[in-house]
Structures are given as structure tokens and as C-alpha cells.
N, C-alpha and C. Protein backbone atom coordinates (compact mmCIF):
# COMPACT_ATOMS: atom_id res chain seq x y z
N UNK A 1 8.05 9.69 10.66
CA UNK A 1 7.16 8.74 10.05
C UNK A 1 6.97 7.58 11.01
N UNK A 2 5.73 7.20 11.23
CA UNK A 2 5.43 6.16 12.22
C UNK A 2 4.78 4.93 11.62
N UNK A 3 4.84 4.78 10.32
CA UNK A 3 4.21 3.62 9.68
C UNK A 3 4.85 2.33 10.17
N UNK A 4 4.05 1.27 10.18
CA UNK A 4 4.56 -0.05 10.58
C UNK A 4 4.30 -1.03 9.45
N UNK A 5 5.32 -1.79 9.10
CA UNK A 5 5.20 -2.81 8.08
C UNK A 5 5.37 -4.17 8.74
N UNK A 6 4.42 -5.05 8.47
CA UNK A 6 4.49 -6.42 8.97
C UNK A 6 4.36 -7.33 7.75
N UNK A 7 5.30 -8.24 7.59
CA UNK A 7 5.24 -9.17 6.47
C UNK A 7 5.38 -10.58 7.01
N UNK A 8 4.34 -11.37 6.80
CA UNK A 8 4.37 -12.76 7.25
C UNK A 8 4.90 -13.70 6.18
N UNK A 9 5.41 -13.13 5.09
CA UNK A 9 5.92 -13.93 3.99
C UNK A 9 4.88 -14.20 2.93
N UNK A 10 3.63 -13.86 3.19
CA UNK A 10 2.55 -14.09 2.23
C UNK A 10 1.88 -12.77 1.83
N UNK A 11 1.41 -11.99 2.81
CA UNK A 11 0.73 -10.73 2.53
C UNK A 11 1.30 -9.64 3.43
N UNK A 12 2.03 -8.69 2.85
CA UNK A 12 2.52 -7.56 3.65
C UNK A 12 1.35 -6.70 4.11
N UNK A 13 1.51 -6.15 5.31
CA UNK A 13 0.49 -5.28 5.89
C UNK A 13 1.20 -3.99 6.30
N UNK A 14 0.71 -2.86 5.81
CA UNK A 14 1.30 -1.55 6.10
C UNK A 14 0.28 -0.71 6.85
N UNK A 15 0.62 -0.37 8.08
CA UNK A 15 -0.24 0.48 8.92
C UNK A 15 0.28 1.91 8.82
N UNK A 16 -0.55 2.79 8.26
CA UNK A 16 -0.15 4.17 7.98
C UNK A 16 -0.53 5.16 9.08
N UNK A 17 -1.02 4.68 10.20
CA UNK A 17 -1.35 5.60 11.30
C UNK A 17 -0.10 6.39 11.70
N UNK A 18 -0.26 7.68 11.84
CA UNK A 18 0.85 8.54 12.23
C UNK A 18 1.61 9.15 11.07
N UNK A 19 1.27 8.77 9.84
CA UNK A 19 1.93 9.32 8.66
C UNK A 19 1.19 10.54 8.13
N UNK A 20 1.91 11.38 7.43
CA UNK A 20 1.25 12.44 6.68
C UNK A 20 0.69 11.80 5.41
N UNK A 21 -0.14 12.53 4.70
CA UNK A 21 -0.71 12.02 3.45
C UNK A 21 0.40 11.72 2.45
N UNK A 22 1.35 12.64 2.31
CA UNK A 22 2.43 12.44 1.36
C UNK A 22 3.31 11.24 1.72
N UNK A 23 3.60 11.06 3.00
CA UNK A 23 4.36 9.89 3.44
C UNK A 23 3.60 8.61 3.12
N UNK A 24 2.30 8.62 3.38
CA UNK A 24 1.47 7.44 3.13
C UNK A 24 1.46 7.07 1.65
N UNK A 25 1.34 8.06 0.78
CA UNK A 25 1.35 7.80 -0.66
C UNK A 25 2.70 7.22 -1.10
N UNK A 26 3.78 7.81 -0.62
CA UNK A 26 5.12 7.32 -0.96
C UNK A 26 5.29 5.87 -0.52
N UNK A 27 4.96 5.58 0.74
CA UNK A 27 5.14 4.23 1.28
C UNK A 27 4.25 3.21 0.57
N UNK A 28 3.03 3.59 0.24
CA UNK A 28 2.12 2.68 -0.45
C UNK A 28 2.66 2.34 -1.83
N UNK A 29 3.09 3.36 -2.56
CA UNK A 29 3.67 3.10 -3.89
C UNK A 29 4.91 2.20 -3.80
N UNK A 30 5.76 2.47 -2.82
CA UNK A 30 6.97 1.67 -2.64
C UNK A 30 6.62 0.22 -2.30
N UNK A 31 5.65 0.04 -1.40
CA UNK A 31 5.27 -1.32 -1.01
C UNK A 31 4.68 -2.07 -2.20
N UNK A 32 3.89 -1.41 -3.02
CA UNK A 32 3.35 -2.05 -4.22
C UNK A 32 4.50 -2.48 -5.13
N UNK A 33 5.46 -1.60 -5.37
CA UNK A 33 6.58 -1.90 -6.25
C UNK A 33 7.37 -3.11 -5.73
N UNK A 34 7.73 -3.09 -4.46
CA UNK A 34 8.53 -4.18 -3.88
C UNK A 34 7.72 -5.48 -3.83
N UNK A 35 6.44 -5.38 -3.50
CA UNK A 35 5.59 -6.57 -3.40
C UNK A 35 5.44 -7.26 -4.75
N UNK A 36 5.33 -6.49 -5.82
CA UNK A 36 5.28 -7.07 -7.16
C UNK A 36 6.59 -7.79 -7.45
N UNK A 37 7.72 -7.17 -7.09
CA UNK A 37 9.03 -7.79 -7.30
C UNK A 37 9.14 -9.11 -6.54
N UNK A 38 8.51 -9.18 -5.37
CA UNK A 38 8.57 -10.37 -4.54
C UNK A 38 7.46 -11.37 -4.87
N UNK A 39 6.68 -11.07 -5.90
CA UNK A 39 5.67 -12.01 -6.36
C UNK A 39 4.47 -12.16 -5.45
N UNK A 40 4.17 -11.15 -4.66
CA UNK A 40 3.02 -11.21 -3.76
C UNK A 40 1.73 -10.98 -4.53
N UNK A 41 0.66 -11.60 -4.05
CA UNK A 41 -0.66 -11.47 -4.69
C UNK A 41 -1.44 -10.28 -4.18
N UNK A 42 -1.35 -10.04 -2.87
CA UNK A 42 -2.12 -8.94 -2.26
C UNK A 42 -1.29 -8.26 -1.18
N UNK A 43 -1.68 -7.02 -0.91
CA UNK A 43 -1.15 -6.30 0.24
C UNK A 43 -2.32 -5.67 0.97
N UNK A 44 -2.13 -5.42 2.25
CA UNK A 44 -3.16 -4.76 3.06
C UNK A 44 -2.61 -3.41 3.51
N UNK A 45 -3.36 -2.36 3.21
CA UNK A 45 -2.99 -1.01 3.61
C UNK A 45 -4.00 -0.54 4.64
N UNK A 46 -3.53 -0.30 5.85
CA UNK A 46 -4.40 0.19 6.93
C UNK A 46 -4.28 1.71 6.96
N UNK A 47 -5.37 2.38 6.62
CA UNK A 47 -5.36 3.84 6.54
C UNK A 47 -6.20 4.48 7.64
N UNK A 48 -6.97 3.72 8.33
CA UNK A 48 -7.81 4.27 9.39
C UNK A 48 -9.18 4.65 8.89
N UNK A 49 -10.05 4.98 9.82
CA UNK A 49 -11.45 5.33 9.50
C UNK A 49 -11.62 6.83 9.48
N UNK A 50 -10.77 7.53 8.77
CA UNK A 50 -10.78 8.99 8.80
C UNK A 50 -12.14 9.55 8.43
N UNK A 51 -12.47 10.62 9.09
CA UNK A 51 -13.67 11.36 8.76
C UNK A 51 -13.29 12.37 7.69
N UNK A 52 -13.89 12.24 6.54
CA UNK A 52 -13.56 13.13 5.44
C UNK A 52 -14.29 14.45 5.63
N UNK A 53 -13.51 15.50 5.72
CA UNK A 53 -14.04 16.85 5.83
C UNK A 53 -13.87 17.51 4.47
N UNK A 54 -14.93 18.09 3.93
CA UNK A 54 -14.81 18.71 2.60
C UNK A 54 -13.60 19.64 2.53
N UNK A 55 -12.77 19.43 1.49
CA UNK A 55 -11.59 20.26 1.30
C UNK A 55 -10.37 19.81 2.07
N UNK A 56 -10.51 18.82 2.95
CA UNK A 56 -9.36 18.35 3.74
C UNK A 56 -8.89 17.01 3.18
N UNK A 57 -7.62 16.93 2.90
CA UNK A 57 -7.00 15.72 2.38
C UNK A 57 -6.74 14.73 3.51
N UNK A 58 -7.19 13.50 3.34
CA UNK A 58 -6.89 12.46 4.31
C UNK A 58 -6.20 11.30 3.59
N UNK A 59 -5.55 10.44 4.34
CA UNK A 59 -4.90 9.29 3.73
C UNK A 59 -5.93 8.43 3.01
N UNK A 60 -7.04 8.16 3.67
CA UNK A 60 -8.08 7.31 3.09
C UNK A 60 -8.60 7.88 1.78
N UNK A 61 -8.97 9.15 1.77
CA UNK A 61 -9.54 9.74 0.56
C UNK A 61 -8.50 9.86 -0.55
N UNK A 62 -7.27 10.17 -0.20
CA UNK A 62 -6.23 10.33 -1.20
C UNK A 62 -5.85 8.99 -1.83
N UNK A 63 -5.76 7.93 -1.02
CA UNK A 63 -5.49 6.60 -1.58
C UNK A 63 -6.62 6.15 -2.50
N UNK A 64 -7.85 6.41 -2.09
CA UNK A 64 -9.00 6.06 -2.92
C UNK A 64 -8.96 6.79 -4.26
N UNK A 65 -8.63 8.07 -4.23
CA UNK A 65 -8.52 8.86 -5.46
C UNK A 65 -7.43 8.31 -6.37
N UNK A 66 -6.31 7.93 -5.78
CA UNK A 66 -5.18 7.38 -6.53
C UNK A 66 -5.61 6.13 -7.29
N UNK A 67 -6.36 5.27 -6.62
CA UNK A 67 -6.85 4.03 -7.24
C UNK A 67 -7.89 4.36 -8.32
N UNK A 68 -8.83 5.24 -8.00
CA UNK A 68 -9.91 5.57 -8.94
C UNK A 68 -9.39 6.25 -10.21
N UNK A 69 -8.33 7.03 -10.09
CA UNK A 69 -7.73 7.68 -11.26
C UNK A 69 -6.91 6.70 -12.10
N UNK A 70 -6.70 5.50 -11.60
CA UNK A 70 -5.96 4.48 -12.34
C UNK A 70 -4.46 4.67 -12.32
N UNK A 71 -3.95 5.44 -11.37
CA UNK A 71 -2.52 5.72 -11.31
C UNK A 71 -1.68 4.49 -10.93
N UNK A 72 -2.32 3.46 -10.44
CA UNK A 72 -1.60 2.26 -10.05
C UNK A 72 -1.93 1.09 -10.96
N UNK A 73 -2.63 1.34 -12.06
CA UNK A 73 -3.16 0.27 -12.88
C UNK A 73 -2.10 -0.64 -13.48
N UNK A 74 -0.86 -0.17 -13.61
CA UNK A 74 0.18 -1.03 -14.16
C UNK A 74 0.58 -2.15 -13.20
N UNK A 75 0.33 -1.97 -11.90
CA UNK A 75 0.71 -2.97 -10.90
C UNK A 75 -0.48 -3.56 -10.15
N UNK A 76 -1.64 -2.93 -10.26
CA UNK A 76 -2.79 -3.31 -9.44
C UNK A 76 -3.91 -3.91 -10.30
N UNK A 77 -4.39 -5.08 -9.88
CA UNK A 77 -5.54 -5.72 -10.54
C UNK A 77 -6.86 -5.18 -10.03
N UNK A 78 -6.94 -4.96 -8.72
CA UNK A 78 -8.18 -4.51 -8.12
C UNK A 78 -7.98 -4.13 -6.67
N UNK A 79 -8.99 -3.50 -6.13
CA UNK A 79 -8.92 -3.02 -4.75
C UNK A 79 -10.24 -3.32 -4.04
N UNK A 80 -10.15 -3.86 -2.85
CA UNK A 80 -11.30 -4.05 -1.99
C UNK A 80 -11.17 -3.03 -0.87
N UNK A 81 -12.13 -2.09 -0.85
CA UNK A 81 -12.08 -1.03 0.16
C UNK A 81 -12.96 -1.40 1.33
N UNK A 82 -12.44 -1.16 2.53
CA UNK A 82 -13.20 -1.36 3.75
C UNK A 82 -13.14 -0.05 4.53
N UNK A 83 -13.77 -0.03 5.67
CA UNK A 83 -13.83 1.20 6.44
C UNK A 83 -12.45 1.70 6.89
N UNK A 84 -11.60 0.82 7.36
CA UNK A 84 -10.31 1.26 7.88
C UNK A 84 -9.10 0.76 7.12
N UNK A 85 -9.33 0.03 6.04
CA UNK A 85 -8.20 -0.51 5.28
C UNK A 85 -8.62 -0.81 3.86
N UNK A 86 -7.64 -1.12 3.02
CA UNK A 86 -7.92 -1.62 1.68
C UNK A 86 -7.00 -2.79 1.39
N UNK A 87 -7.56 -3.78 0.69
CA UNK A 87 -6.78 -4.90 0.19
C UNK A 87 -6.53 -4.64 -1.29
N UNK A 88 -5.27 -4.68 -1.67
CA UNK A 88 -4.90 -4.40 -3.05
C UNK A 88 -4.40 -5.69 -3.70
N UNK A 89 -5.08 -6.09 -4.77
CA UNK A 89 -4.69 -7.26 -5.54
C UNK A 89 -3.66 -6.83 -6.58
N UNK A 90 -2.51 -7.51 -6.61
CA UNK A 90 -1.40 -7.11 -7.46
C UNK A 90 -1.30 -7.98 -8.71
N UNK A 91 -0.78 -7.38 -9.77
CA UNK A 91 -0.48 -8.12 -11.00
C UNK A 91 0.78 -8.92 -10.78
N UNK A 92 0.78 -10.14 -11.26
CA UNK A 92 1.96 -11.00 -11.14
C UNK A 92 2.73 -10.97 -12.44
N UNK A 93 4.03 -11.00 -12.34
CA UNK A 93 4.84 -11.09 -13.55
C UNK A 93 5.38 -12.51 -13.65
N UNK A 94 5.84 -12.88 -14.83
CA UNK A 94 6.32 -14.23 -15.05
C UNK A 94 7.77 -14.45 -14.65
N UNK A 95 8.45 -13.40 -14.19
CA UNK A 95 9.87 -13.54 -13.87
C UNK A 95 10.07 -14.16 -12.50
N UNK A 96 11.31 -14.56 -12.22
CA UNK A 96 11.65 -15.12 -10.92
C UNK A 96 11.61 -14.01 -9.88
N UNK A 97 11.20 -14.35 -8.68
CA UNK A 97 11.06 -13.37 -7.61
C UNK A 97 12.01 -13.71 -6.47
N UNK A 98 12.51 -12.69 -5.78
CA UNK A 98 13.32 -12.96 -4.60
C UNK A 98 12.47 -13.66 -3.53
N UNK A 99 13.13 -14.31 -2.63
CA UNK A 99 12.42 -14.94 -1.52
C UNK A 99 12.67 -14.15 -0.25
N UNK A 100 11.90 -14.43 0.76
CA UNK A 100 12.08 -13.76 2.04
C UNK A 100 10.98 -12.76 2.31
N UNK A 101 11.16 -12.08 3.40
CA UNK A 101 10.17 -11.09 3.84
C UNK A 101 10.57 -9.69 3.39
N UNK A 102 9.56 -8.87 3.22
CA UNK A 102 9.78 -7.47 2.87
C UNK A 102 10.00 -6.72 4.18
N UNK A 103 11.06 -5.95 4.25
CA UNK A 103 11.40 -5.22 5.48
C UNK A 103 11.14 -3.73 5.31
N UNK A 104 10.99 -3.00 6.41
CA UNK A 104 10.71 -1.57 6.33
C UNK A 104 11.75 -0.79 5.52
N UNK A 105 13.03 -1.15 5.61
CA UNK A 105 14.04 -0.37 4.87
C UNK A 105 13.95 -0.60 3.37
N UNK A 106 13.21 -1.61 2.91
CA UNK A 106 13.01 -1.83 1.48
C UNK A 106 12.03 -0.82 0.90
N UNK A 107 11.13 -0.31 1.73
CA UNK A 107 10.15 0.66 1.22
C UNK A 107 10.48 2.08 1.66
N UNK A 108 11.32 2.23 2.66
CA UNK A 108 11.70 3.56 3.13
C UNK A 108 13.17 3.53 3.58
N UNK A 109 14.09 3.71 2.63
CA UNK A 109 15.51 3.58 2.95
C UNK A 109 16.11 4.74 3.74
N UNK A 110 15.30 5.70 4.12
CA UNK A 110 15.85 6.87 4.84
C UNK A 110 16.37 6.49 6.17
């Protein structure tokens, strides 16, 4: 897995280049879960400008389907899709949140 996570303390950014589709889905779900716990408002998922070939699963198309099916609706307010990335607006909870930056081992403990 070659994903890169960068967290400036405000908006985590996950670059999924080099990941398989299944790895990308796992990491995206994990980052959403941890980001909500940390009280973040948005995350940026870089999926690339994949060319969608009929019948071929890509990270971009699979993430879009996940959002459109509402599978993330418990944690996600909305999504802004761009050519090579998506910005995901997260639901905030009223509880206290940990402080600090989100690290790669928080989303992929392997």
C-alpha cells in the first residue's frame, strides 16, 4: 500500500495513488471515522483522474458510488467532487475530541 496521509491539524489529506480499490475504500472509511473522532470538518481524498473503462473498477468511480449509495451518510454531510480529488464534509458530534494530528498508523495499523 502506497497511500500517503498528510494532516496539517485542520484538514487531513489522503493521497490514494498506488492503492488498490479495496485498499482505497478501507483507508477512506478509516480516515472518515478517525477524522470525525478528532472533530475535523472536512477531509480531502486524492483519487486521481482515472479514465473509467466500462466494467473496470477504479478508485474514483468506486468512491463516487459509495457516496451516491449513501453508505457514508452517518458521518458525511456532503461531497464536492473534482477531477482528481473529492472534498468530504463531515458531521460534527457534540462530544470532546482528541487533539493533535492524525497519523498513518491511526487509519492503517498494519
